[in-house]
Protein backbone atom coordinates (compact mmCIF):
# COMPACT_ATOMS: atom_id res chain seq x y z
CA UNK A 1 0.00 0.00 0.00
CA UNK A 2 1.42 3.40 -1.00
CA UNK A 3 1.32 6.66 0.85
CA UNK A 4 -1.67 8.97 0.61
CA UNK A 5 -1.16 12.34 -1.07
CA UNK A 6 -1.28 13.97 2.37
CA UNK A 7 1.63 11.77 3.47
CA UNK A 8 3.78 12.64 0.44
CA UNK A 9 5.80 15.41 2.01
CA UNK A 10 9.09 17.08 1.13
CA UNK A 11 11.36 18.48 3.83
CA UNK A 12 14.10 21.00 2.96
CA UNK A 13 16.80 21.75 5.51
CA UNK A 14 20.03 23.71 5.28
CA UNK A 15 22.55 25.37 7.49
CA UNK A 16 24.73 28.31 6.63
CA UNK A 17 27.96 26.77 7.90
CA UNK A 18 28.07 23.61 5.76
CA UNK A 19 26.61 25.31 2.66
CA UNK A 20 24.63 22.14 1.96
CA UNK A 21 20.89 21.61 1.51
CA UNK A 22 19.44 18.30 2.68
CA UNK A 23 16.17 17.12 1.19
CA UNK A 24 13.89 14.28 2.16
CA UNK A 25 10.92 13.57 -0.04
CA UNK A 26 8.22 10.95 -0.06
CA UNK A 27 6.70 12.40 -3.26
CA UNK A 28 7.34 10.50 -6.52
CA UNK A 29 6.74 13.79 -8.38
CA UNK A 30 9.67 15.39 -6.52
CA UNK A 31 11.81 12.26 -7.11
CA UNK A 32 11.27 12.57 -10.86
CA UNK A 33 12.00 16.30 -10.85
CA UNK A 34 15.24 15.84 -8.91
CA UNK A 35 16.27 13.00 -11.25
CA UNK A 36 15.69 15.27 -14.28
CA UNK A 37 17.86 17.92 -12.61
CA UNK A 38 20.63 15.37 -12.07
CA UNK A 39 20.49 15.38 -8.27
CA UNK A 40 21.78 12.03 -6.96
CA UNK A 41 20.29 10.27 -3.96
CA UNK A 42 22.45 10.72 -0.85
CA UNK A 43 21.69 7.28 0.60
CA UNK A 44 19.37 4.31 0.20
CA UNK A 45 15.67 5.14 0.17
CA UNK A 46 13.45 4.71 3.18
CA UNK A 47 11.20 1.68 2.65
CA UNK A 48 7.94 0.30 3.96
CA UNK A 49 7.41 -3.41 3.33
CA UNK A 50 10.17 -3.27 0.70
CA UNK A 51 8.59 -0.39 -1.23
CA UNK A 52 10.47 2.95 -1.36
CA UNK A 53 8.50 5.61 0.52
CA UNK A 54 11.12 8.33 0.91
CA UNK A 55 14.38 9.42 -0.66
CA UNK A 56 17.24 11.51 0.69
CA UNK A 57 19.23 14.07 -1.30
CA UNK A 58 22.06 16.51 -0.68
CA UNK A 59 22.60 19.64 -2.81
CA UNK A 60 25.27 22.37 -2.55
CA UNK A 61 23.66 25.56 -1.27
CA UNK A 62 25.06 27.51 -4.24
CA UNK A 63 23.07 25.24 -6.59
CA UNK A 64 19.81 25.36 -4.63
CA UNK A 65 17.09 27.89 -5.44
CA UNK A 66 13.64 28.39 -3.96
CA UNK A 67 11.05 31.11 -4.02
CA UNK A 68 7.44 32.10 -3.95
CA UNK A 69 5.30 32.98 -6.91
CA UNK A 70 4.20 36.58 -6.97
CA UNK A 71 0.51 37.19 -6.90
CA UNK A 72 -2.29 38.24 -4.66
CA UNK A 73 -1.91 41.06 -2.21
CA UNK A 74 0.42 39.33 0.22
CA UNK A 75 1.01 40.84 3.61
CA UNK A 76 0.97 44.51 2.73
CA UNK A 77 1.39 45.65 6.35
CA UNK A 78 4.59 43.61 6.78
CA UNK A 79 5.89 44.85 3.43
CA UNK A 80 5.23 48.47 4.43
CA UNK A 81 7.08 47.94 7.75
CA UNK A 82 10.04 46.39 5.90
CA UNK A 83 10.21 49.27 3.44
CA UNK A 84 10.03 51.80 6.25
CA UNK A 85 12.77 50.07 8.25
CA UNK A 86 15.14 49.85 5.28
CA UNK A 87 14.33 53.30 3.94
CA UNK A 88 13.83 51.92 0.43
CA UNK A 89 11.16 53.10 -1.94
CA UNK A 90 8.57 50.58 -3.21
CA UNK A 91 10.08 50.66 -6.72
CA UNK A 92 13.46 49.56 -5.33
CA UNK A 93 11.87 46.53 -3.66
CA UNK A 94 9.61 45.26 -6.43
CA UNK A 95 11.40 46.41 -9.54
CA UNK A 96 8.22 48.08 -10.78
CA UNK A 97 8.48 51.23 -12.82
CA UNK A 98 5.93 54.06 -12.25
PDB file of N, CA and C in Angstrom:
ATOM      1  N   UNK A   1       0.845  -1.182   0.000  1.00  0.00           N
ATOM      2  CA  UNK A   1       0.000   0.000   0.000  1.00  0.00           C
ATOM      3  C   UNK A   1       0.889   1.243   0.000  1.00  0.00           C
ATOM      4  N   UNK A   2       0.638   2.180  -0.898  1.00  0.00           N
ATOM      5  CA  UNK A   2       1.425   3.403  -1.003  1.00  0.00           C
ATOM      6  C   UNK A   2       0.968   4.462  -0.016  1.00  0.00           C
ATOM      7  N   UNK A   3       1.662   5.548  -0.026  1.00  0.00           N
ATOM      8  CA  UNK A   3       1.321   6.663   0.849  1.00  0.00           C
ATOM      9  C   UNK A   3       0.189   7.481   0.240  1.00  0.00           C
ATOM     10  N   UNK A   4      -0.628   8.071   1.102  1.00  0.00           N
ATOM     11  CA  UNK A   4      -1.671   8.971   0.608  1.00  0.00           C
ATOM     12  C   UNK A   4      -1.011  10.267   0.156  1.00  0.00           C
ATOM     13  N   UNK A   5      -1.723  11.067  -0.608  1.00  0.00           N
ATOM     14  CA  UNK A   5      -1.160  12.344  -1.073  1.00  0.00           C
ATOM     15  C   UNK A   5      -0.799  13.245   0.115  1.00  0.00           C
ATOM     16  N   UNK A   6      -1.577  13.163   1.187  1.00  0.00           N
ATOM     17  CA  UNK A   6      -1.283  13.973   2.375  1.00  0.00           C
ATOM     18  C   UNK A   6       0.018  13.540   3.043  1.00  0.00           C
ATOM     19  N   UNK A   7       0.397  12.288   2.874  1.00  0.00           N
ATOM     20  CA  UNK A   7       1.631  11.769   3.474  1.00  0.00           C
ATOM     21  C   UNK A   7       2.858  12.000   2.592  1.00  0.00           C
ATOM     22  N   UNK A   8       2.669  12.430   1.372  1.00  0.00           N
ATOM     23  CA  UNK A   8       3.777  12.642   0.437  1.00  0.00           C
ATOM     24  C   UNK A   8       4.362  14.033   0.654  1.00  0.00           C
ATOM     25  N   UNK A   9       5.233  14.117   1.645  1.00  0.00           N
ATOM     26  CA  UNK A   9       5.804  15.408   2.013  1.00  0.00           C
ATOM     27  C   UNK A   9       7.231  15.531   1.509  1.00  0.00           C
ATOM     28  N   UNK A  10       7.701  16.782   1.456  1.00  0.00           N
ATOM     29  CA  UNK A  10       9.086  17.078   1.132  1.00  0.00           C
ATOM     30  C   UNK A  10       9.606  18.031   2.195  1.00  0.00           C
ATOM     31  N   UNK A  11      10.753  17.686   2.768  1.00  0.00           N
ATOM     32  CA  UNK A  11      11.363  18.484   3.827  1.00  0.00           C
ATOM     33  C   UNK A  11      12.687  19.022   3.305  1.00  0.00           C
ATOM     34  N   UNK A  12      12.876  20.338   3.411  1.00  0.00           N
ATOM     35  CA  UNK A  12      14.098  20.999   2.962  1.00  0.00           C
ATOM     36  C   UNK A  12      14.779  21.589   4.190  1.00  0.00           C
ATOM     37  N   UNK A  13      16.063  21.285   4.344  1.00  0.00           N
ATOM     38  CA  UNK A  13      16.804  21.755   5.512  1.00  0.00           C
ATOM     39  C   UNK A  13      18.204  22.164   5.091  1.00  0.00           C
ATOM     40  N   UNK A  14      18.648  23.330   5.562  1.00  0.00           N
ATOM     41  CA  UNK A  14      20.033  23.711   5.284  1.00  0.00           C
ATOM     42  C   UNK A  14      20.579  24.526   6.431  1.00  0.00           C
ATOM     43  N   UNK A  15      21.911  24.491   6.518  1.00  0.00           N
ATOM     44  CA  UNK A  15      22.553  25.369   7.485  1.00  0.00           C
ATOM     45  C   UNK A  15      23.604  26.194   6.762  1.00  0.00           C
ATOM     46  N   UNK A  16      23.836  27.356   7.278  1.00  0.00           N
ATOM     47  CA  UNK A  16      24.730  28.311   6.631  1.00  0.00           C
ATOM     48  C   UNK A  16      26.199  27.899   6.715  1.00  0.00           C
ATOM     49  N   UNK A  17      26.563  27.134   7.734  1.00  0.00           N
ATOM     50  CA  UNK A  17      27.964  26.772   7.903  1.00  0.00           C
ATOM     51  C   UNK A  17      28.428  25.739   6.876  1.00  0.00           C
ATOM     52  N   UNK A  18      27.660  24.683   6.674  1.00  0.00           N
ATOM     53  CA  UNK A  18      28.068  23.610   5.756  1.00  0.00           C
ATOM     54  C   UNK A  18      27.801  23.927   4.296  1.00  0.00           C
ATOM     55  N   UNK A  19      26.961  24.928   4.036  1.00  0.00           N
ATOM     56  CA  UNK A  19      26.613  25.308   2.664  1.00  0.00           C
ATOM     57  C   UNK A  19      26.037  24.126   1.884  1.00  0.00           C
ATOM     58  N   UNK A  20      25.249  23.310   2.574  1.00  0.00           N
ATOM     59  CA  UNK A  20      24.628  22.139   1.957  1.00  0.00           C
ATOM     60  C   UNK A  20      23.140  22.115   2.290  1.00  0.00           C
ATOM     61  N   UNK A  21      22.328  21.766   1.308  1.00  0.00           N
ATOM     62  CA  UNK A  21      20.890  21.615   1.506  1.00  0.00           C
ATOM     63  C   UNK A  21      20.576  20.130   1.537  1.00  0.00           C
ATOM     64  N   UNK A  22      19.875  19.691   2.572  1.00  0.00           N
ATOM     65  CA  UNK A  22      19.444  18.302   2.680  1.00  0.00           C
ATOM     66  C   UNK A  22      17.957  18.240   2.373  1.00  0.00           C
ATOM     67  N   UNK A  23      17.582  17.290   1.537  1.00  0.00           N
ATOM     68  CA  UNK A  23      16.172  17.122   1.192  1.00  0.00           C
ATOM     69  C   UNK A  23      15.748  15.697   1.504  1.00  0.00           C
ATOM     70  N   UNK A  24      14.548  15.572   2.030  1.00  0.00           N
ATOM     71  CA  UNK A  24      13.889  14.279   2.156  1.00  0.00           C
ATOM     72  C   UNK A  24      12.551  14.435   1.484  1.00  0.00           C
ATOM     73  N   UNK A  25      12.208  13.496   0.630  1.00  0.00           N
ATOM     74  CA  UNK A  25      10.917  13.572  -0.036  1.00  0.00           C
ATOM     75  C   UNK A  25      10.275  12.198  -0.116  1.00  0.00           C
ATOM     76  N   UNK A  26       8.996  12.168   0.128  1.00  0.00           N
ATOM     77  CA  UNK A  26       8.223  10.946  -0.064  1.00  0.00           C
ATOM     78  C   UNK A  26       7.251  11.127  -1.234  1.00  0.00           C
ATOM     79  N   UNK A  27       7.551  12.105  -2.098  1.00  0.00           N
ATOM     80  CA  UNK A  27       6.703  12.396  -3.259  1.00  0.00           C
ATOM     81  C   UNK A  27       7.375  11.906  -4.547  1.00  0.00           C
ATOM     82  N   UNK A  28       6.775  10.940  -5.250  1.00  0.00           N
ATOM     83  CA  UNK A  28       7.339  10.497  -6.522  1.00  0.00           C
ATOM     84  C   UNK A  28       7.484  11.633  -7.541  1.00  0.00           C
ATOM     85  N   UNK A  29       6.627  12.635  -7.484  1.00  0.00           N
ATOM     86  CA  UNK A  29       6.740  13.785  -8.375  1.00  0.00           C
ATOM     87  C   UNK A  29       8.060  14.515  -8.129  1.00  0.00           C
ATOM     88  N   UNK A  30       8.412  14.722  -6.877  1.00  0.00           N
ATOM     89  CA  UNK A  30       9.669  15.388  -6.524  1.00  0.00           C
ATOM     90  C   UNK A  30      10.847  14.502  -6.906  1.00  0.00           C
ATOM     91  N   UNK A  31      10.741  13.179  -6.716  1.00  0.00           N
ATOM     92  CA  UNK A  31      11.813  12.259  -7.107  1.00  0.00           C
ATOM     93  C   UNK A  31      12.130  12.411  -8.587  1.00  0.00           C
ATOM     94  N   UNK A  32      11.065  12.448  -9.398  1.00  0.00           N
ATOM     95  CA  UNK A  32      11.272  12.565 -10.857  1.00  0.00           C
ATOM     96  C   UNK A  32      11.902  13.918 -11.213  1.00  0.00           C
ATOM     97  N   UNK A  33      11.448  14.980 -10.568  1.00  0.00           N
ATOM     98  CA  UNK A  33      12.003  16.304 -10.851  1.00  0.00           C
ATOM     99  C   UNK A  33      13.485  16.355 -10.489  1.00  0.00           C
ATOM    100  N   UNK A  34      13.851  15.834  -9.326  1.00  0.00           N
ATOM    101  CA  UNK A  34      15.243  15.841  -8.913  1.00  0.00           C
ATOM    102  C   UNK A  34      16.100  14.961  -9.833  1.00  0.00           C
ATOM    103  N   UNK A  35      15.544  13.857 -10.305  1.00  0.00           N
ATOM    104  CA  UNK A  35      16.272  12.997 -11.251  1.00  0.00           C
ATOM    105  C   UNK A  35      16.526  13.748 -12.557  1.00  0.00           C
ATOM    106  N   UNK A  36      15.516  14.475 -13.052  1.00  0.00           N
ATOM    107  CA  UNK A  36      15.690  15.269 -14.284  1.00  0.00           C
ATOM    108  C   UNK A  36      16.757  16.343 -14.110  1.00  0.00           C
ATOM    109  N   UNK A  37      16.872  16.881 -12.894  1.00  0.00           N
ATOM    110  CA  UNK A  37      17.857  17.917 -12.611  1.00  0.00           C
ATOM    111  C   UNK A  37      19.243  17.334 -12.332  1.00  0.00           C
ATOM    112  N   UNK A  38      19.336  16.014 -12.286  1.00  0.00           N
ATOM    113  CA  UNK A  38      20.626  15.366 -12.067  1.00  0.00           C
ATOM    114  C   UNK A  38      21.079  15.347 -10.622  1.00  0.00           C
ATOM    115  N   UNK A  39      20.146  15.416  -9.687  1.00  0.00           N
ATOM    116  CA  UNK A  39      20.489  15.383  -8.267  1.00  0.00           C
ATOM    117  C   UNK A  39      20.523  13.925  -7.817  1.00  0.00           C
ATOM    118  N   UNK A  40      21.687  13.427  -7.389  1.00  0.00           N
ATOM    119  CA  UNK A  40      21.778  12.027  -6.963  1.00  0.00           C
ATOM    120  C   UNK A  40      21.212  11.819  -5.560  1.00  0.00           C
ATOM    121  N   UNK A  41      20.744  10.609  -5.310  1.00  0.00           N
ATOM    122  CA  UNK A  41      20.289  10.272  -3.958  1.00  0.00           C
ATOM    123  C   UNK A  41      21.501  10.204  -3.043  1.00  0.00           C
ATOM    124  N   UNK A  42      21.354  10.684  -1.825  1.00  0.00           N
ATOM    125  CA  UNK A  42      22.445  10.716  -0.854  1.00  0.00           C
ATOM    126  C   UNK A  42      22.660   9.357  -0.197  1.00  0.00           C
ATOM    127  N   UNK A  43      21.597   8.609  -0.018  1.00  0.00           N
ATOM    128  CA  UNK A  43      21.688   7.284   0.599  1.00  0.00           C
ATOM    129  C   UNK A  43      20.500   6.451   0.161  1.00  0.00           C
ATOM    130  N   UNK A  44      20.460   5.218   0.589  1.00  0.00           N
ATOM    131  CA  UNK A  44      19.370   4.311   0.197  1.00  0.00           C
ATOM    132  C   UNK A  44      18.028   4.876   0.626  1.00  0.00           C
ATOM    133  N   UNK A  45      16.991   4.607  -0.179  1.00  0.00           N
ATOM    134  CA  UNK A  45      15.674   5.144   0.167  1.00  0.00           C
ATOM    135  C   UNK A  45      15.100   4.506   1.423  1.00  0.00           C
ATOM    136  N   UNK A  46      14.219   5.234   2.061  1.00  0.00           N
ATOM    137  CA  UNK A  46      13.453   4.710   3.182  1.00  0.00           C
ATOM    138  C   UNK A  46      12.378   3.799   2.602  1.00  0.00           C
ATOM    139  N   UNK A  47      12.167   2.632   3.206  1.00  0.00           N
ATOM    140  CA  UNK A  47      11.202   1.681   2.649  1.00  0.00           C
ATOM    141  C   UNK A  47      10.150   1.294   3.681  1.00  0.00           C
ATOM    142  N   UNK A  48       9.027   0.838   3.161  1.00  0.00           N
ATOM    143  CA  UNK A  48       7.940   0.305   3.962  1.00  0.00           C
ATOM    144  C   UNK A  48       7.507  -0.977   3.280  1.00  0.00           C
ATOM    145  N   UNK A  49       7.716  -2.098   3.909  1.00  0.00           N
ATOM    146  CA  UNK A  49       7.412  -3.410   3.327  1.00  0.00           C
ATOM    147  C   UNK A  49       8.132  -3.606   1.993  1.00  0.00           C
ATOM    148  N   UNK A  50       9.365  -3.106   1.909  1.00  0.00           N
ATOM    149  CA  UNK A  50      10.170  -3.273   0.704  1.00  0.00           C
ATOM    150  C   UNK A  50       9.901  -2.268  -0.406  1.00  0.00           C
ATOM    151  N   UNK A  51       8.928  -1.403  -0.226  1.00  0.00           N
ATOM    152  CA  UNK A  51       8.591  -0.390  -1.225  1.00  0.00           C
ATOM    153  C   UNK A  51       9.191   0.951  -0.813  1.00  0.00           C
ATOM    154  N   UNK A  52       9.919   1.641  -1.718  1.00  0.00           N
ATOM    155  CA  UNK A  52      10.474   2.953  -1.359  1.00  0.00           C
ATOM    156  C   UNK A  52       9.363   3.956  -1.026  1.00  0.00           C
ATOM    157  N   UNK A  53       9.496   4.609   0.129  1.00  0.00           N
ATOM    158  CA  UNK A  53       8.502   5.613   0.525  1.00  0.00           C
ATOM    159  C   UNK A  53       9.133   6.978   0.749  1.00  0.00           C
ATOM    160  N   UNK A  54      10.449   7.059   0.717  1.00  0.00           N
ATOM    161  CA  UNK A  54      11.116   8.333   0.909  1.00  0.00           C
ATOM    162  C   UNK A  54      12.543   8.265   0.413  1.00  0.00           C
ATOM    163  N   UNK A  55      13.022   9.361  -0.142  1.00  0.00           N
ATOM    164  CA  UNK A  55      14.382   9.424  -0.663  1.00  0.00           C
ATOM    165  C   UNK A  55      15.099  10.634  -0.092  1.00  0.00           C
ATOM    166  N   UNK A  56      16.409  10.478   0.083  1.00  0.00           N
ATOM    167  CA  UNK A  56      17.243  11.508   0.688  1.00  0.00           C
ATOM    168  C   UNK A  56      18.200  12.073  -0.363  1.00  0.00           C
ATOM    169  N   UNK A  57      18.369  13.392  -0.332  1.00  0.00           N
ATOM    170  CA  UNK A  57      19.227  14.067  -1.301  1.00  0.00           C
ATOM    171  C   UNK A  57      20.080  15.100  -0.583  1.00  0.00           C
ATOM    172  N   UNK A  58      21.195  15.467  -1.192  1.00  0.00           N
ATOM    173  CA  UNK A  58      22.064  16.515  -0.685  1.00  0.00           C
ATOM    174  C   UNK A  58      22.488  17.384  -1.865  1.00  0.00           C
ATOM    175  N   UNK A  59      22.322  18.705  -1.728  1.00  0.00           N
ATOM    176  CA  UNK A  59      22.597  19.640  -2.813  1.00  0.00           C
ATOM    177  C   UNK A  59      23.461  20.776  -2.270  1.00  0.00           C
ATOM    178  N   UNK A  60      24.511  21.187  -2.994  1.00  0.00           N
ATOM    179  CA  UNK A  60      25.268  22.365  -2.552  1.00  0.00           C
ATOM    180  C   UNK A  60      24.353  23.599  -2.497  1.00  0.00           C
ATOM    181  N   UNK A  61      24.505  24.379  -1.450  1.00  0.00           N
ATOM    182  CA  UNK A  61      23.656  25.558  -1.272  1.00  0.00           C
ATOM    183  C   UNK A  61      23.739  26.499  -2.466  1.00  0.00           C
ATOM    184  N   UNK A  62      24.905  26.618  -3.085  1.00  0.00           N
ATOM    185  CA  UNK A  62      25.058  27.509  -4.242  1.00  0.00           C
ATOM    186  C   UNK A  62      24.218  27.054  -5.431  1.00  0.00           C
ATOM    187  N   UNK A  63      23.858  25.775  -5.480  1.00  0.00           N
ATOM    188  CA  UNK A  63      23.073  25.239  -6.595  1.00  0.00           C
ATOM    189  C   UNK A  63      21.568  25.222  -6.298  1.00  0.00           C
ATOM    190  N   UNK A  64      21.210  25.453  -5.050  1.00  0.00           N
ATOM    191  CA  UNK A  64      19.809  25.363  -4.630  1.00  0.00           C
ATOM    192  C   UNK A  64      19.114  26.705  -4.784  1.00  0.00           C
ATOM    193  N   UNK A  65      17.878  26.674  -5.272  1.00  0.00           N
ATOM    194  CA  UNK A  65      17.087  27.887  -5.437  1.00  0.00           C
ATOM    195  C   UNK A  65      15.657  27.593  -5.010  1.00  0.00           C
ATOM    196  N   UNK A  66      15.044  28.525  -4.309  1.00  0.00           N
ATOM    197  CA  UNK A  66      13.643  28.393  -3.962  1.00  0.00           C
ATOM    198  C   UNK A  66      13.023  29.775  -3.955  1.00  0.00           C
ATOM    199  N   UNK A  67      11.729  29.821  -4.022  1.00  0.00           N
ATOM    200  CA  UNK A  67      11.049  31.109  -4.024  1.00  0.00           C
ATOM    201  C   UNK A  67       9.548  30.949  -3.979  1.00  0.00           C
ATOM    202  N   UNK A  68       8.895  32.056  -3.955  1.00  0.00           N
ATOM    203  CA  UNK A  68       7.444  32.097  -3.949  1.00  0.00           C
ATOM    204  C   UNK A  68       6.978  32.788  -5.216  1.00  0.00           C
ATOM    205  N   UNK A  69       5.867  32.328  -5.734  1.00  0.00           N
ATOM    206  CA  UNK A  69       5.298  32.983  -6.909  1.00  0.00           C
ATOM    207  C   UNK A  69       4.654  34.284  -6.462  1.00  0.00           C
ATOM    208  N   UNK A  70       4.838  35.301  -7.273  1.00  0.00           N
ATOM    209  CA  UNK A  70       4.196  36.576  -6.965  1.00  0.00           C
ATOM    210  C   UNK A  70       2.722  36.475  -7.324  1.00  0.00           C
ATOM    211  N   UNK A  71       1.930  37.197  -6.612  1.00  0.00           N
ATOM    212  CA  UNK A  71       0.505  37.186  -6.897  1.00  0.00           C
ATOM    213  C   UNK A  71      -0.263  37.522  -5.641  1.00  0.00           C
ATOM    214  N   UNK A  72      -1.480  37.874  -5.810  1.00  0.00           N
ATOM    215  CA  UNK A  72      -2.289  38.241  -4.661  1.00  0.00           C
ATOM    216  C   UNK A  72      -1.775  39.519  -4.025  1.00  0.00           C
ATOM    217  N   UNK A  73      -2.303  39.836  -2.880  1.00  0.00           N
ATOM    218  CA  UNK A  73      -1.911  41.062  -2.206  1.00  0.00           C
ATOM    219  C   UNK A  73      -0.796  40.831  -1.209  1.00  0.00           C
ATOM    220  N   UNK A  74      -0.622  39.601  -0.752  1.00  0.00           N
ATOM    221  CA  UNK A  74       0.424  39.331   0.220  1.00  0.00           C
ATOM    222  C   UNK A  74       0.142  40.033   1.523  1.00  0.00           C
ATOM    223  N   UNK A  75       1.145  40.168   2.334  1.00  0.00           N
ATOM    224  CA  UNK A  75       1.013  40.839   3.615  1.00  0.00           C
ATOM    225  C   UNK A  75       1.489  42.270   3.442  1.00  0.00           C
ATOM    226  N   UNK A  76       0.597  43.134   3.041  1.00  0.00           N
ATOM    227  CA  UNK A  76       0.966  44.514   2.730  1.00  0.00           C
ATOM    228  C   UNK A  76       1.464  45.271   3.953  1.00  0.00           C
ATOM    229  N   UNK A  77       0.944  44.963   5.136  1.00  0.00           N
ATOM    230  CA  UNK A  77       1.392  45.653   6.346  1.00  0.00           C
ATOM    231  C   UNK A  77       2.851  45.308   6.647  1.00  0.00           C
ATOM    232  N   UNK A  78       3.205  44.023   6.535  1.00  0.00           N
ATOM    233  CA  UNK A  78       4.589  43.611   6.779  1.00  0.00           C
ATOM    234  C   UNK A  78       5.517  44.207   5.723  1.00  0.00           C
ATOM    235  N   UNK A  79       5.074  44.266   4.490  1.00  0.00           N
ATOM    236  CA  UNK A  79       5.886  44.845   3.427  1.00  0.00           C
ATOM    237  C   UNK A  79       6.125  46.337   3.683  1.00  0.00           C
ATOM    238  N   UNK A  80       5.095  47.039   4.130  1.00  0.00           N
ATOM    239  CA  UNK A  80       5.232  48.467   4.432  1.00  0.00           C
ATOM    240  C   UNK A  80       6.215  48.685   5.582  1.00  0.00           C
ATOM    241  N   UNK A  81       6.144  47.828   6.632  1.00  0.00           N
ATOM    242  CA  UNK A  81       7.082  47.944   7.752  1.00  0.00           C
ATOM    243  C   UNK A  81       8.513  47.683   7.286  1.00  0.00           C
ATOM    244  N   UNK A  82       8.702  46.693   6.419  1.00  0.00           N
ATOM    245  CA  UNK A  82      10.039  46.393   5.902  1.00  0.00           C
ATOM    246  C   UNK A  82      10.583  47.574   5.117  1.00  0.00           C
ATOM    247  N   UNK A  83       9.774  48.132   4.247  1.00  0.00           N
ATOM    248  CA  UNK A  83      10.213  49.273   3.441  1.00  0.00           C
ATOM    249  C   UNK A  83      10.558  50.464   4.315  1.00  0.00           C
ATOM    250  N   UNK A  84       9.762  50.678   5.357  1.00  0.00           N
ATOM    251  CA  UNK A  84      10.030  51.802   6.253  1.00  0.00           C
ATOM    252  C   UNK A  84      11.327  51.565   7.021  1.00  0.00           C
ATOM    253  N   UNK A  85      11.570  50.352   7.466  1.00  0.00           N
ATOM    254  CA  UNK A  85      12.771  50.065   8.254  1.00  0.00           C
ATOM    255  C   UNK A  85      14.044  50.132   7.421  1.00  0.00           C
ATOM    256  N   UNK A  86      13.954  49.817   6.123  1.00  0.00           N
ATOM    257  CA  UNK A  86      15.143  49.851   5.277  1.00  0.00           C
ATOM    258  C   UNK A  86      15.314  51.188   4.574  1.00  0.00           C
ATOM    259  N   UNK A  87      14.259  52.002   4.589  1.00  0.00           N
ATOM    260  CA  UNK A  87      14.330  53.298   3.941  1.00  0.00           C
ATOM    261  C   UNK A  87      14.307  53.218   2.421  1.00  0.00           C
ATOM    262  N   UNK A  88      13.858  52.091   1.883  1.00  0.00           N
ATOM    263  CA  UNK A  88      13.827  51.919   0.431  1.00  0.00           C
ATOM    264  C   UNK A  88      12.440  52.208  -0.113  1.00  0.00           C
ATOM    265  N   UNK A  89      12.419  52.792  -1.278  1.00  0.00           N
ATOM    266  CA  UNK A  89      11.157  53.101  -1.945  1.00  0.00           C
ATOM    267  C   UNK A  89      10.536  51.817  -2.482  1.00  0.00           C
ATOM    268  N   UNK A  90       9.223  51.777  -2.671  1.00  0.00           N
ATOM    269  CA  UNK A  90       8.575  50.578  -3.207  1.00  0.00           C
ATOM    270  C   UNK A  90       9.151  50.125  -4.540  1.00  0.00           C
ATOM    271  N   UNK A  91       9.535  51.041  -5.408  1.00  0.00           N
ATOM    272  CA  UNK A  91      10.084  50.658  -6.715  1.00  0.00           C
ATOM    273  C   UNK A  91      11.380  49.879  -6.557  1.00  0.00           C
ATOM    274  N   UNK A  92      12.191  50.242  -5.554  1.00  0.00           N
ATOM    275  CA  UNK A  92      13.462  49.556  -5.331  1.00  0.00           C
ATOM    276  C   UNK A  92      13.241  48.135  -4.861  1.00  0.00           C
ATOM    277  N   UNK A  93      12.143  47.872  -4.164  1.00  0.00           N
ATOM    278  CA  UNK A  93      11.872  46.533  -3.656  1.00  0.00           C
ATOM    279  C   UNK A  93      11.262  45.625  -4.705  1.00  0.00           C
ATOM    280  N   UNK A  94      10.351  46.119  -5.516  1.00  0.00           N
ATOM    281  CA  UNK A  94       9.614  45.261  -6.433  1.00  0.00           C
ATOM    282  C   UNK A  94      10.134  45.295  -7.855  1.00  0.00           C
ATOM    283  N   UNK A  95      10.914  46.294  -8.180  1.00  0.00           N
ATOM    284  CA  UNK A  95      11.404  46.410  -9.544  1.00  0.00           C
ATOM    285  C   UNK A  95      10.394  47.006 -10.491  1.00  0.00           C
ATOM    286  N   UNK A  96       9.265  47.474  -9.945  1.00  0.00           N
ATOM    287  CA  UNK A  96       8.221  48.078 -10.781  1.00  0.00           C
ATOM    288  C   UNK A  96       8.611  49.499 -11.171  1.00  0.00           C
ATOM    289  N   UNK A  97       8.257  49.863 -12.343  1.00  0.00           N
ATOM    290  CA  UNK A  97       8.481  51.231 -12.816  1.00  0.00           C
ATOM    291  C   UNK A  97       7.161  51.983 -12.727  1.00  0.00           C
ATOM    292  N   UNK A  98       7.187  53.293 -12.364  1.00  0.00           N
ATOM    293  CA  UNK A  98       5.934  54.065 -12.246  1.00  0.00           C
ATOM    294  C   UNK A  98       5.270  54.244 -13.580  1.00  0.00           C
TER     295      UNK A  98
END
